[in-house]
Structure formats: structure tokens, C-alpha cells
Amino acid sequence: MKDKKQRKGKVIRTFSVEIVSSGSDPVLDANPSNPYTMLSDEARLKDFVEIFGLLWAESCREASQKKL
């Protein structure tokens, strides 16, 4: 494993999320291990907003600690 000081350049992480109705894809609708199939579209959206808000806040906190 490389020491953090040996790493060069920035690590850029990007991803996209698409929230769709579970009925729009049979694989999504028929997956019993997917807890989001039981939620309404509004509840799924609210859950994702909360999760990604926490993720963003944590990444900002880590970035600010690195600058100190």
C-alpha cells in the first residue's frame, strides 16, 4: 500500500443516480432484496436526498481536515 504522501494528483470520484419507479423495470420490481420497492417514489427520493446529503457533508468535512 502506498503512503498517502506518495500519491500524486487528485482523486476525482463522480457518479450519477437515476431514481425511477420500480415498475419501470421488471428486474427492479421483482427484486425482494431491494428495500426501495416497498417505498413510494416520494419516500425513495427523500431517502436518497438524505443519504447523499450526508455523503456530501462527510466529504466536505474530510476535505476541510486535509487543509489544516
Protein backbone atom coordinates (compact mmCIF):
# COMPACT_ATOMS: atom_id res chain seq x y z
CA MET A 1 0.00 0.00 0.00
CA LYS A 2 1.35 3.41 -0.94
CA ASP A 3 1.86 6.09 1.64
CA LYS A 4 -0.56 8.99 1.17
CA LYS A 5 2.37 11.34 0.63
CA GLN A 6 3.46 9.31 -2.40
CA ARG A 7 0.14 9.72 -4.20
CA LYS A 8 0.19 12.33 -6.92
CA GLY A 9 -2.74 14.21 -8.32
CA LYS A 10 -6.32 14.48 -7.20
CA VAL A 11 -8.70 11.60 -6.90
CA ILE A 12 -11.89 12.57 -8.64
CA ARG A 13 -14.95 10.49 -7.93
CA THR A 14 -18.05 11.02 -9.98
CA PHE A 15 -21.25 9.08 -10.22
CA SER A 16 -24.81 9.61 -11.25
CA VAL A 17 -28.03 8.39 -9.71
CA GLU A 18 -31.27 7.88 -11.52
CA ILE A 19 -34.41 7.41 -9.45
CA VAL A 20 -37.15 5.61 -11.30
CA SER A 21 -40.39 3.89 -10.48
CA SER A 22 -39.76 0.25 -9.59
CA GLY A 23 -42.43 -0.69 -12.12
CA SER A 24 -40.34 0.81 -14.93
CA ASP A 25 -38.04 -2.23 -14.94
CA PRO A 26 -39.14 -5.78 -14.08
CA VAL A 27 -35.74 -6.53 -12.53
CA LEU A 28 -36.24 -3.68 -10.05
CA ASP A 29 -39.83 -4.60 -9.32
CA ALA A 30 -39.19 -8.33 -8.76
CA ASN A 31 -36.12 -7.99 -6.52
CA PRO A 32 -37.22 -8.96 -2.97
CA SER A 33 -33.87 -7.86 -1.53
CA ASN A 34 -34.43 -4.29 -2.74
CA PRO A 35 -35.94 -2.40 0.23
CA TYR A 36 -36.87 0.52 -2.01
CA THR A 37 -39.55 -1.45 -3.87
CA MET A 38 -41.84 -1.02 -0.86
CA LEU A 39 -41.42 2.77 -0.77
CA SER A 40 -43.35 5.36 -2.73
CA ASP A 41 -41.48 7.46 -5.28
CA GLU A 42 -41.55 10.42 -2.88
CA ALA A 43 -40.17 8.35 0.02
CA ARG A 44 -37.37 6.94 -2.18
CA LEU A 45 -36.42 10.43 -3.34
CA LYS A 46 -36.42 11.76 0.24
CA ASP A 47 -34.22 8.84 1.36
CA PHE A 48 -31.71 9.39 -1.45
CA VAL A 49 -31.55 13.13 -0.77
CA GLU A 50 -30.78 12.43 2.90
CA ILE A 51 -28.14 9.80 2.07
CA PHE A 52 -26.35 11.93 -0.50
CA GLY A 53 -26.60 14.99 1.75
CA LEU A 54 -24.75 13.05 4.44
CA LEU A 55 -22.22 11.80 1.90
CA TRP A 56 -21.59 15.35 0.66
CA ALA A 57 -21.26 16.71 4.19
CA GLU A 58 -18.76 13.99 5.12
CA SER A 59 -16.67 14.59 2.00
CA CYS A 60 -16.60 18.34 2.75
CA ARG A 61 -15.57 17.64 6.36
CA GLU A 62 -12.75 15.34 5.22
CA ALA A 63 -11.58 17.89 2.66
CA SER A 64 -11.50 20.66 5.25
CA GLN A 65 -9.49 18.49 7.66
CA LYS A 66 -6.90 17.79 4.97
CA LYS A 67 -6.31 21.53 4.51
CA LEU A 68 -5.43 22.05 8.18
